[in-house]
PDB file of N, CA and C in Angstrom:
ATOM      1  N   MET A   1      10.670 -11.952  10.809  1.00  0.00           N
ATOM      2  CA  MET A   1       9.722 -12.033   9.926  1.00  0.00           C
ATOM      3  C   MET A   1       9.299 -10.796  11.142  1.00  0.00           C
ATOM      4  N   THR A   2       9.287  -9.589  10.772  1.00  0.00           N
ATOM      5  CA  THR A   2       8.427  -8.647  11.810  1.00  0.00           C
ATOM      6  C   THR A   2       6.999  -8.088  11.364  1.00  0.00           C
ATOM      7  N   ASP A   3       6.394  -7.951  12.266  1.00  0.00           N
ATOM      8  CA  ASP A   3       5.358  -7.685  12.250  1.00  0.00           C
ATOM      9  C   ASP A   3       4.690  -6.431  13.086  1.00  0.00           C
ATOM     10  N   TYR A   4       3.683  -5.405  12.221  1.00  0.00           N
ATOM     11  CA  TYR A   4       3.794  -4.071  12.286  1.00  0.00           C
ATOM     12  C   TYR A   4       2.377  -3.874  12.859  1.00  0.00           C
ATOM     13  N   THR A   5       2.348  -2.875  13.169  1.00  0.00           N
ATOM     14  CA  THR A   5       0.640  -2.294  13.586  1.00  0.00           C
ATOM     15  C   THR A   5       0.480  -1.184  13.012  1.00  0.00           C
ATOM     16  N   TYR A   6      -0.584  -1.723  12.309  1.00  0.00           N
ATOM     17  CA  TYR A   6      -1.307  -0.370  11.358  1.00  0.00           C
ATOM     18  C   TYR A   6      -2.284   0.384  11.973  1.00  0.00           C
ATOM     19  N   HIS A   7      -2.233   1.710  11.256  1.00  0.00           N
ATOM     20  CA  HIS A   7      -3.076   2.758  12.334  1.00  0.00           C
ATOM     21  C   HIS A   7      -3.976   3.237  11.336  1.00  0.00           C
ATOM     22  N   SER A   8      -3.890   3.606   9.971  1.00  0.00           N
ATOM     23  CA  SER A   8      -4.750   4.461   9.076  1.00  0.00           C
ATOM     24  C   SER A   8      -5.887   3.907   9.058  1.00  0.00           C
ATOM     25  N   VAL A   9      -6.939   4.422   8.488  1.00  0.00           N
ATOM     26  CA  VAL A   9      -8.213   3.898   7.988  1.00  0.00           C
ATOM     27  C   VAL A   9      -7.735   2.904   6.778  1.00  0.00           C
ATOM     28  N   LEU A  10      -6.750   2.731   6.671  1.00  0.00           N
ATOM     29  CA  LEU A  10      -6.358   1.116   5.263  1.00  0.00           C
ATOM     30  C   LEU A  10      -5.922   0.051   6.345  1.00  0.00           C
ATOM     31  N   ALA A  11      -5.981   0.542   7.891  1.00  0.00           N
ATOM     32  CA  ALA A  11      -4.860  -0.993   8.434  1.00  0.00           C
ATOM     33  C   ALA A  11      -6.224  -2.129   8.250  1.00  0.00           C
ATOM     34  N   PRO A  12      -7.228  -2.309   8.470  1.00  0.00           N
ATOM     35  CA  PRO A  12      -7.719  -3.944   7.993  1.00  0.00           C
ATOM     36  C   PRO A  12      -7.547  -4.285   6.945  1.00  0.00           C
ATOM     37  N   TYR A  13      -7.341  -3.367   5.674  1.00  0.00           N
ATOM     38  CA  TYR A  13      -7.444  -4.002   4.465  1.00  0.00           C
ATOM     39  C   TYR A  13      -5.749  -4.430   4.422  1.00  0.00           C
ATOM     40  N   ILE A  14      -4.997  -3.428   4.821  1.00  0.00           N
ATOM     41  CA  ILE A  14      -3.574  -3.861   4.874  1.00  0.00           C
ATOM     42  C   ILE A  14      -3.373  -5.172   5.438  1.00  0.00           C
ATOM     43  N   GLN A  15      -3.359  -5.437   6.776  1.00  0.00           N
ATOM     44  CA  GLN A  15      -3.481  -6.495   7.494  1.00  0.00           C
ATOM     45  C   GLN A  15      -4.167  -7.785   6.868  1.00  0.00           C
ATOM     46  N   GLY A  16      -5.169  -7.996   6.213  1.00  0.00           N
ATOM     47  CA  GLY A  16      -5.796  -8.771   5.461  1.00  0.00           C
ATOM     48  C   GLY A  16      -5.198  -9.211   4.323  1.00  0.00           C
ATOM     49  N   PHE A  17      -4.271  -8.343   3.602  1.00  0.00           N
ATOM     50  CA  PHE A  17      -4.073  -8.683   1.883  1.00  0.00           C
ATOM     51  C   PHE A  17      -2.652  -8.870   2.797  1.00  0.00           C
ATOM     52  N   LEU A  18      -1.676  -8.907   4.165  1.00  0.00           N
ATOM     53  CA  LEU A  18      -0.774  -9.295   4.097  1.00  0.00           C
ATOM     54  C   LEU A  18      -1.273 -11.060   4.756  1.00  0.00           C
ATOM     55  N   ASP A  19      -2.439 -11.180   5.293  1.00  0.00           N
ATOM     56  CA  ASP A  19      -2.656 -12.202   6.040  1.00  0.00           C
ATOM     57  C   ASP A  19      -2.535 -13.287   5.064  1.00  0.00           C
ATOM     58  N   GLU A  20      -3.545 -12.431   3.586  1.00  0.00           N
ATOM     59  CA  GLU A  20      -3.752 -13.452   2.711  1.00  0.00           C
ATOM     60  C   GLU A  20      -2.395 -13.350   1.519  1.00  0.00           C
ATOM     61  N   LYS A  21      -1.968 -13.252   1.620  1.00  0.00           N
ATOM     62  CA  LYS A  21      -0.132 -13.230   1.055  1.00  0.00           C
ATOM     63  C   LYS A  21       0.470 -14.419   1.881  1.00  0.00           C
ATOM     64  N   ARG A  22       0.487 -14.655   2.720  1.00  0.00           N
ATOM     65  CA  ARG A  22       1.051 -15.199   3.844  1.00  0.00           C
ATOM     66  C   ARG A  22       0.753 -16.428   3.660  1.00  0.00           C
ATOM     67  N   ALA A  23      -0.645 -16.462   3.660  1.00  0.00           N
ATOM     68  CA  ALA A  23      -1.638 -17.714   3.726  1.00  0.00           C
ATOM     69  C   ALA A  23      -1.246 -18.842   1.935  1.00  0.00           C
ATOM     70  N   LEU A  24      -0.811 -17.804   1.159  1.00  0.00           N
ATOM     71  CA  LEU A  24      -0.371 -18.310   0.333  1.00  0.00           C
ATOM     72  C   LEU A  24       0.891 -18.850   0.141  1.00  0.00           C
ATOM     73  N   GLY A  25       1.788 -18.381   0.922  1.00  0.00           N
ATOM     74  CA  GLY A  25       3.024 -18.907   1.145  1.00  0.00           C
ATOM     75  C   GLY A  25       4.152 -17.951   1.113  1.00  0.00           C
ATOM     76  N   TYR A  26       3.819 -16.835   0.672  1.00  0.00           N
ATOM     77  CA  TYR A  26       4.866 -15.578   0.118  1.00  0.00           C
ATOM     78  C   TYR A  26       5.230 -14.657   2.091  1.00  0.00           C
ATOM     79  N   ALA A  27       6.424 -14.399   1.986  1.00  0.00           N
ATOM     80  CA  ALA A  27       6.832 -14.344   3.472  1.00  0.00           C
ATOM     81  C   ALA A  27       6.522 -12.882   3.477  1.00  0.00           C
ATOM     82  N   TYR A  28       6.426 -11.525   2.330  1.00  0.00           N
ATOM     83  CA  TYR A  28       6.027 -10.758   2.507  1.00  0.00           C
ATOM     84  C   TYR A  28       6.619  -9.680   3.529  1.00  0.00           C
ATOM     85  N   GLY A  29       8.088  -9.905   4.176  1.00  0.00           N
ATOM     86  CA  GLY A  29       8.349  -8.889   5.045  1.00  0.00           C
ATOM     87  C   GLY A  29       9.282  -7.349   5.018  1.00  0.00           C
ATOM     88  N   ASP A  30       9.485  -7.763   3.510  1.00  0.00           N
ATOM     89  CA  ASP A  30       9.899  -6.472   3.090  1.00  0.00           C
ATOM     90  C   ASP A  30       8.401  -5.371   2.719  1.00  0.00           C
ATOM     91  N   GLU A  31       7.269  -6.726   2.107  1.00  0.00           N
ATOM     92  CA  GLU A  31       6.386  -5.616   1.785  1.00  0.00           C
ATOM     93  C   GLU A  31       5.389  -5.088   3.330  1.00  0.00           C
ATOM     94  N   ALA A  32       5.730  -5.984   4.027  1.00  0.00           N
ATOM     95  CA  ALA A  32       4.910  -5.072   5.116  1.00  0.00           C
ATOM     96  C   ALA A  32       5.585  -4.039   5.624  1.00  0.00           C
ATOM     97  N   LYS A  33       6.932  -4.027   5.903  1.00  0.00           N
ATOM     98  CA  LYS A  33       7.675  -2.532   6.073  1.00  0.00           C
ATOM     99  C   LYS A  33       7.246  -1.342   4.993  1.00  0.00           C
ATOM    100  N   ILE A  34       6.844  -1.927   3.891  1.00  0.00           N
ATOM    101  CA  ILE A  34       6.698  -0.847   2.819  1.00  0.00           C
ATOM    102  C   ILE A  34       5.333  -0.323   3.008  1.00  0.00           C
ATOM    103  N   LEU A  35       4.527  -1.223   3.487  1.00  0.00           N
ATOM    104  CA  LEU A  35       2.995  -0.925   3.760  1.00  0.00           C
ATOM    105  C   LEU A  35       2.780  -0.020   4.792  1.00  0.00           C
ATOM    106  N   ARG A  36       4.063  -0.495   6.246  1.00  0.00           N
ATOM    107  CA  ARG A  36       3.775   0.418   7.325  1.00  0.00           C
ATOM    108  C   ARG A  36       3.824   1.924   6.577  1.00  0.00           C
ATOM    109  N   ARG A  37       5.130   2.572   5.881  1.00  0.00           N
ATOM    110  CA  ARG A  37       5.582   3.352   5.816  1.00  0.00           C
ATOM    111  C   ARG A  37       4.179   4.206   4.695  1.00  0.00           C
ATOM    112  N   PHE A  38       3.856   3.095   3.926  1.00  0.00           N
ATOM    113  CA  PHE A  38       2.264   3.879   3.557  1.00  0.00           C
ATOM    114  C   PHE A  38       1.546   4.113   3.882  1.00  0.00           C
ATOM    115  N   ASP A  39       1.237   2.961   5.503  1.00  0.00           N
ATOM    116  CA  ASP A  39       0.429   3.679   6.091  1.00  0.00           C
ATOM    117  C   ASP A  39       0.538   4.758   6.978  1.00  0.00           C
ATOM    118  N   GLN A  40       1.622   4.990   7.312  1.00  0.00           N
ATOM    119  CA  GLN A  40       2.005   6.474   7.763  1.00  0.00           C
ATOM    120  C   GLN A  40       1.858   7.754   6.576  1.00  0.00           C
ATOM    121  N   TYR A  41       1.985   7.717   5.766  1.00  0.00           N
ATOM    122  CA  TYR A  41       1.513   8.424   4.275  1.00  0.00           C
ATOM    123  C   TYR A  41       0.233   8.775   4.847  1.00  0.00           C
ATOM    124  N   TRP A  42      -0.435   7.782   4.301  1.00  0.00           N
ATOM    125  CA  TRP A  42      -1.416   7.698   4.141  1.00  0.00           C
ATOM    126  C   TRP A  42      -2.505   8.196   5.416  1.00  0.00           C
ATOM    127  N   SER A  43      -2.282   7.989   6.950  1.00  0.00           N
ATOM    128  CA  SER A  43      -2.625   9.178   7.515  1.00  0.00           C
ATOM    129  C   SER A  43      -2.207  10.157   7.561  1.00  0.00           C
ATOM    130  N   GLY A  44      -1.217  10.568   7.078  1.00  0.00           N
ATOM    131  CA  GLY A  44      -0.717  12.084   7.121  1.00  0.00           C
ATOM    132  C   GLY A  44      -1.286  12.651   6.158  1.00  0.00           C
ATOM    133  N   ASN A  45      -1.705  12.359   5.154  1.00  0.00           N
ATOM    134  CA  ASN A  45      -2.471  12.797   3.648  1.00  0.00           C
ATOM    135  C   ASN A  45      -3.663  12.417   3.393  1.00  0.00           C
ATOM    136  N   ASN A  46      -4.354  11.842   3.766  1.00  0.00           N
ATOM    137  CA  ASN A  46      -5.982  11.280   3.510  1.00  0.00           C
ATOM    138  C   ASN A  46      -6.332  11.000   4.528  1.00  0.00           C
ATOM    139  N   GLY A  47      -6.315  10.963   5.709  1.00  0.00           N
ATOM    140  CA  GLY A  47      -7.186  11.271   6.773  1.00  0.00           C
ATOM    141  C   GLY A  47      -7.972   9.842   6.813  1.00  0.00           C
ATOM    142  N   ASP A  48      -9.181  10.009   7.114  1.00  0.00           N
ATOM    143  CA  ASP A  48     -10.057   8.975   6.949  1.00  0.00           C
ATOM    144  C   ASP A  48     -10.473   8.327   6.117  1.00  0.00           C
ATOM    145  N   ASP A  49     -10.439   8.784   4.774  1.00  0.00           N
ATOM    146  CA  ASP A  49     -10.843   8.617   3.549  1.00  0.00           C
ATOM    147  C   ASP A  49     -10.427   7.203   2.772  1.00  0.00           C
ATOM    148  N   PRO A  50     -10.961   6.209   2.857  1.00  0.00           N
ATOM    149  CA  PRO A  50     -10.339   5.333   2.394  1.00  0.00           C
ATOM    150  C   PRO A  50     -10.342   4.938   0.952  1.00  0.00           C
ATOM    151  N   LYS A  51     -10.610   5.585   0.168  1.00  0.00           N
ATOM    152  CA  LYS A  51     -10.736   5.835  -1.160  1.00  0.00           C
ATOM    153  C   LYS A  51      -9.233   6.152  -2.022  1.00  0.00           C
ATOM    154  N   VAL A  52      -9.397   4.917  -2.611  1.00  0.00           N
ATOM    155  CA  VAL A  52      -7.484   5.050  -3.496  1.00  0.00           C
ATOM    156  C   VAL A  52      -7.671   5.674  -4.573  1.00  0.00           C
ATOM    157  N   THR A  53      -7.207   6.871  -5.162  1.00  0.00           N
ATOM    158  CA  THR A  53      -7.080   7.124  -5.982  1.00  0.00           C
ATOM    159  C   THR A  53      -5.670   7.614  -6.504  1.00  0.00           C
ATOM    160  N   MET A  54      -5.867   7.990  -8.088  1.00  0.00           N
ATOM    161  CA  MET A  54      -4.257   9.059  -7.895  1.00  0.00           C
ATOM    162  C   MET A  54      -4.291   9.854  -7.403  1.00  0.00           C
ATOM    163  N   ASP A  55      -4.656  10.849  -7.263  1.00  0.00           N
ATOM    164  CA  ASP A  55      -5.037  11.998  -6.483  1.00  0.00           C
ATOM    165  C   ASP A  55      -4.438  11.625  -5.053  1.00  0.00           C
ATOM    166  N   SER A  56      -4.967  10.649  -4.345  1.00  0.00           N
ATOM    167  CA  SER A  56      -4.679  10.742  -2.817  1.00  0.00           C
ATOM    168  C   SER A  56      -3.321   9.625  -2.909  1.00  0.00           C
ATOM    169  N   LEU A  57      -2.407   9.221  -3.907  1.00  0.00           N
ATOM    170  CA  LEU A  57      -1.092   8.375  -4.422  1.00  0.00           C
ATOM    171  C   LEU A  57      -0.060   9.581  -4.646  1.00  0.00           C
ATOM    172  N   GLU A  58      -0.604  10.661  -4.836  1.00  0.00           N
ATOM    173  CA  GLU A  58       0.786  11.119  -5.656  1.00  0.00           C
ATOM    174  C   GLU A  58       1.450  11.325  -5.229  1.00  0.00           C
ATOM    175  N   GLY A  59       1.543  11.939  -3.852  1.00  0.00           N
ATOM    176  CA  GLY A  59       2.987  11.818  -2.591  1.00  0.00           C
ATOM    177  C   GLY A  59       3.609  10.792  -2.824  1.00  0.00           C
ATOM    178  N   TRP A  60       3.107   9.531  -2.880  1.00  0.00           N
ATOM    179  CA  TRP A  60       3.622   8.086  -2.495  1.00  0.00           C
ATOM    180  C   TRP A  60       4.338   7.590  -3.761  1.00  0.00           C
ATOM    181  N   ILE A  61       3.814   8.059  -4.908  1.00  0.00           N
ATOM    182  CA  ILE A  61       4.155   7.381  -6.027  1.00  0.00           C
ATOM    183  C   ILE A  61       5.554   7.832  -6.693  1.00  0.00           C
ATOM    184  N   ARG A  62       6.159   9.628  -6.160  1.00  0.00           N
ATOM    185  CA  ARG A  62       6.933  10.440  -6.327  1.00  0.00           C
ATOM    186  C   ARG A  62       8.426   9.854  -6.190  1.00  0.00           C
ATOM    187  N   GLN A  63       9.105   9.962  -6.700  1.00  0.00           N
ATOM    188  CA  GLN A  63      10.732   9.196  -6.298  1.00  0.00           C
ATOM    189  C   GLN A  63      11.042   9.704  -5.124  1.00  0.00           C
ATOM    190  N   ARG A  64      11.608   9.055  -4.590  1.00  0.00           N
ATOM    191  CA  ARG A  64      12.604  10.246  -3.285  1.00  0.00           C
ATOM    192  C   ARG A  64      13.850  10.323  -3.845  1.00  0.00           C
ATOM    193  N   PRO A  65      14.709  11.332  -3.526  1.00  0.00           N
ATOM    194  CA  PRO A  65      15.905  12.168  -4.039  1.00  0.00           C
ATOM    195  C   PRO A  65      17.145  10.934  -3.666  1.00  0.00           C
ATOM    196  N   THR A  66      16.637   9.891  -2.813  1.00  0.00           N
ATOM    197  CA  THR A  66      17.502   8.656  -2.660  1.00  0.00           C
ATOM    198  C   THR A  66      17.380   8.043  -3.318  1.00  0.00           C
ATOM    199  N   GLU A  67      16.005   7.508  -3.838  1.00  0.00           N
ATOM    200  CA  GLU A  67      15.990   6.401  -4.001  1.00  0.00           C
ATOM    201  C   GLU A  67      15.714   6.132  -6.152  1.00  0.00           C
ATOM    202  N   GLY A  68      16.646   4.648  -5.591  1.00  0.00           N
ATOM    203  CA  GLY A  68      16.858   4.637  -7.771  1.00  0.00           C
ATOM    204  C   GLY A  68      15.130   3.948  -8.261  1.00  0.00           C
ATOM    205  N   LYS A  69      14.955   3.428  -9.226  1.00  0.00           N
ATOM    206  CA  LYS A  69      14.153   3.546 -10.450  1.00  0.00           C
ATOM    207  C   LYS A  69      13.526   1.732  -9.918  1.00  0.00           C
ATOM    208  N   GLY A  70      14.409   1.125  -9.552  1.00  0.00           N
ATOM    209  CA  GLY A  70      13.727   0.016  -9.095  1.00  0.00           C
ATOM    210  C   GLY A  70      13.000  -0.398  -7.778  1.00  0.00           C
ATOM    211  N   SER A  71      13.831   0.927  -6.658  1.00  0.00           N
ATOM    212  CA  SER A  71      12.902   0.687  -5.331  1.00  0.00           C
ATOM    213  C   SER A  71      11.564   1.367  -5.994  1.00  0.00           C
ATOM    214  N   GLN A  72      11.633   2.455  -6.331  1.00  0.00           N
ATOM    215  CA  GLN A  72      10.348   2.767  -6.713  1.00  0.00           C
ATOM    216  C   GLN A  72       9.305   2.149  -7.239  1.00  0.00           C
ATOM    217  N   SER A  73       9.774   1.435  -8.049  1.00  0.00           N
ATOM    218  CA  SER A  73       8.812   0.759  -8.465  1.00  0.00           C
ATOM    219  C   SER A  73       8.092  -0.859  -7.955  1.00  0.00           C
ATOM    220  N   HIS A  74       9.067  -0.563  -6.943  1.00  0.00           N
ATOM    221  CA  HIS A  74       8.605  -1.794  -6.057  1.00  0.00           C
ATOM    222  C   HIS A  74       7.457  -1.597  -5.118  1.00  0.00           C
ATOM    223  N   ARG A  75       8.235  -0.106  -4.403  1.00  0.00           N
ATOM    224  CA  ARG A  75       7.055   0.199  -3.756  1.00  0.00           C
ATOM    225  C   ARG A  75       5.935   0.357  -4.021  1.00  0.00           C
ATOM    226  N   ILE A  76       5.935   0.930  -5.365  1.00  0.00           N
ATOM    227  CA  ILE A  76       4.726   1.560  -6.066  1.00  0.00           C
ATOM    228  C   ILE A  76       3.783   0.037  -6.490  1.00  0.00           C
ATOM    229  N   ALA A  77       4.499  -0.863  -6.849  1.00  0.00           N
ATOM    230  CA  ALA A  77       4.127  -2.406  -7.076  1.00  0.00           C
ATOM    231  C   ALA A  77       3.349  -2.841  -5.632  1.00  0.00           C
ATOM    232  N   VAL A  78       3.973  -2.934  -4.524  1.00  0.00           N
ATOM    233  CA  VAL A  78       3.107  -2.976  -3.370  1.00  0.00           C
ATOM    234  C   VAL A  78       1.949  -2.347  -3.021  1.00  0.00           C
ATOM    235  N   VAL A  79       2.073  -0.897  -3.055  1.00  0.00           N
ATOM    236  CA  VAL A  79       0.423  -0.528  -3.155  1.00  0.00           C
ATOM    237  C   VAL A  79      -0.035  -0.766  -4.098  1.00  0.00           C
ATOM    238  N   ARG A  80       0.130  -0.752  -5.728  1.00  0.00           N
ATOM    239  CA  ARG A  80      -1.071  -1.462  -6.297  1.00  0.00           C
ATOM    240  C   ARG A  80      -1.734  -2.662  -5.769  1.00  0.00           C
ATOM    241  N   HIS A  81      -0.685  -3.849  -5.711  1.00  0.00           N
ATOM    242  CA  HIS A  81      -1.773  -5.087  -5.365  1.00  0.00           C
ATOM    243  C   HIS A  81      -2.158  -4.662  -4.023  1.00  0.00           C
ATOM    244  N   LEU A  82      -2.308  -3.992  -3.137  1.00  0.00           N
ATOM    245  CA  LEU A  82      -3.325  -3.701  -2.130  1.00  0.00           C
ATOM    246  C   LEU A  82      -4.060  -3.132  -2.615  1.00  0.00           C
ATOM    247  N   ALA A  83      -4.039  -2.539  -3.462  1.00  0.00           N
ATOM    248  CA  ALA A  83      -5.437  -1.266  -3.813  1.00  0.00           C
ATOM    249  C   ALA A  83      -6.206  -2.365  -4.734  1.00  0.00           C
ATOM    250  N   LEU A  84      -5.298  -3.366  -5.302  1.00  0.00           N
ATOM    251  CA  LEU A  84      -6.198  -4.421  -6.196  1.00  0.00           C
ATOM    252  C   LEU A  84      -6.871  -5.117  -5.400  1.00  0.00           C
ATOM    253  N   TYR A  85      -6.283  -6.089  -4.340  1.00  0.00           N
ATOM    254  CA  TYR A  85      -7.363  -6.833  -2.853  1.00  0.00           C
ATOM    255  C   TYR A  85      -7.856  -5.855  -2.730  1.00  0.00           C
ATOM    256  N   MET A  86      -8.137  -4.504  -2.355  1.00  0.00           N
ATOM    257  CA  MET A  86      -9.178  -3.864  -1.834  1.00  0.00           C
ATOM    258  C   MET A  86     -10.254  -3.127  -2.944  1.00  0.00           C
ATOM    259  N   ALA A  87      -9.905  -3.147  -4.279  1.00  0.00           N
ATOM    260  CA  ALA A  87     -11.042  -3.543  -5.267  1.00  0.00           C
ATOM    261  C   ALA A  87     -12.159  -4.502  -5.379  1.00  0.00           C
ATOM    262  N   GLY A  88     -11.160  -5.501  -5.017  1.00  0.00           N
ATOM    263  CA  GLY A  88     -11.768  -7.086  -5.031  1.00  0.00           C
ATOM    264  C   GLY A  88     -12.559  -7.023  -3.970  1.00  0.00           C
ATOM    265  N   LEU A  89     -12.310  -6.704  -3.014  1.00  0.00           N
ATOM    266  CA  LEU A  89     -13.492  -6.435  -1.800  1.00  0.00           C
ATOM    267  C   LEU A  89     -14.492  -5.443  -1.492  1.00  0.00           C
ATOM    268  N   GLY A  90     -14.462  -4.876  -3.027  1.00  0.00           N
ATOM    269  CA  GLY A  90     -15.929  -3.560  -3.008  1.00  0.00           C
ATOM    270  C   GLY A  90     -15.119  -2.036  -2.733  1.00  0.00           C
ATOM    271  N   VAL A  91     -14.059  -1.976  -2.701  1.00  0.00           N
ATOM    272  CA  VAL A  91     -13.605  -0.474  -1.874  1.00  0.00           C
ATOM    273  C   VAL A  91     -13.276   0.342  -3.125  1.00  0.00           C
ATOM    274  N   ALA A  92     -13.780   1.298  -3.559  1.00  0.00           N
ATOM    275  CA  ALA A  92     -13.499   2.136  -4.881  1.00  0.00           C
ATOM    276  C   ALA A  92     -11.477   2.680  -4.708  1.00  0.00           C
ATOM    277  N   CYS A  93     -11.429   1.900  -5.686  1.00  0.00           N
ATOM    278  CA  CYS A  93      -9.959   2.150  -6.088  1.00  0.00           C
ATOM    279  C   CYS A  93      -9.650   2.641  -7.623  1.00  0.00           C
ATOM    280  N   ILE A  94      -8.813   3.688  -8.230  1.00  0.00           N
ATOM    281  CA  ILE A  94      -8.809   4.238  -9.716  1.00  0.00           C
ATOM    282  C   ILE A  94      -7.338   4.150  -9.235  1.00  0.00           C
ATOM    283  N   LEU A  95      -6.769   3.436 -10.432  1.00  0.00           N
ATOM    284  CA  LEU A  95      -5.345   3.602 -10.729  1.00  0.00           C
ATOM    285  C   LEU A  95      -5.285   3.130 -11.829  1.00  0.00           C
ATOM    286  N   SER A  96      -5.680   4.044 -12.612  1.00  0.00           N
ATOM    287  CA  SER A  96      -5.140   4.266 -14.347  1.00  0.00           C
ATOM    288  C   SER A  96      -3.882   4.421 -14.172  1.00  0.00           C
ATOM    289  N   ARG A  97      -2.617   4.793 -13.512  1.00  0.00           N
ATOM    290  CA  ARG A  97      -1.304   5.167 -13.937  1.00  0.00           C
ATOM    291  C   ARG A  97      -0.591   3.862 -13.440  1.00  0.00           C
ATOM    292  N   LEU A  98      -1.196   3.381 -12.418  1.00  0.00           N
ATOM    293  CA  LEU A  98      -0.548   2.114 -11.767  1.00  0.00           C
ATOM    294  C   LEU A  98      -0.521   0.773 -12.494  1.00  0.00           C
ATOM    295  N   THR A  99      -1.369   0.680 -13.155  1.00  0.00           N
ATOM    296  CA  THR A  99      -1.522  -0.600 -13.770  1.00  0.00           C
ATOM    297  C   THR A  99      -0.368  -0.674 -14.938  1.00  0.00           C
TER     298      THR A  99
END
């Protein structure tokens, strides 16, 4: 399993989410890699705003030209679970179309 360093404003939430999942026995290797890409996406598109909204996720949820529906769905689901974790901590997250 590869450990990544996260740099966006969401980094503490991403790391906390991964720590929690791993403490529950989940490997979360592929998910950590997806979250590394999401962390880079967030830094490039949303800066220091930790509020997760459908507008802030617009570019993330769009299907990539070389990506199948299954991969897209998995990538979105990982971020949805992160957002649910963050919402449980009291961070504003509005995910109407991801639920």
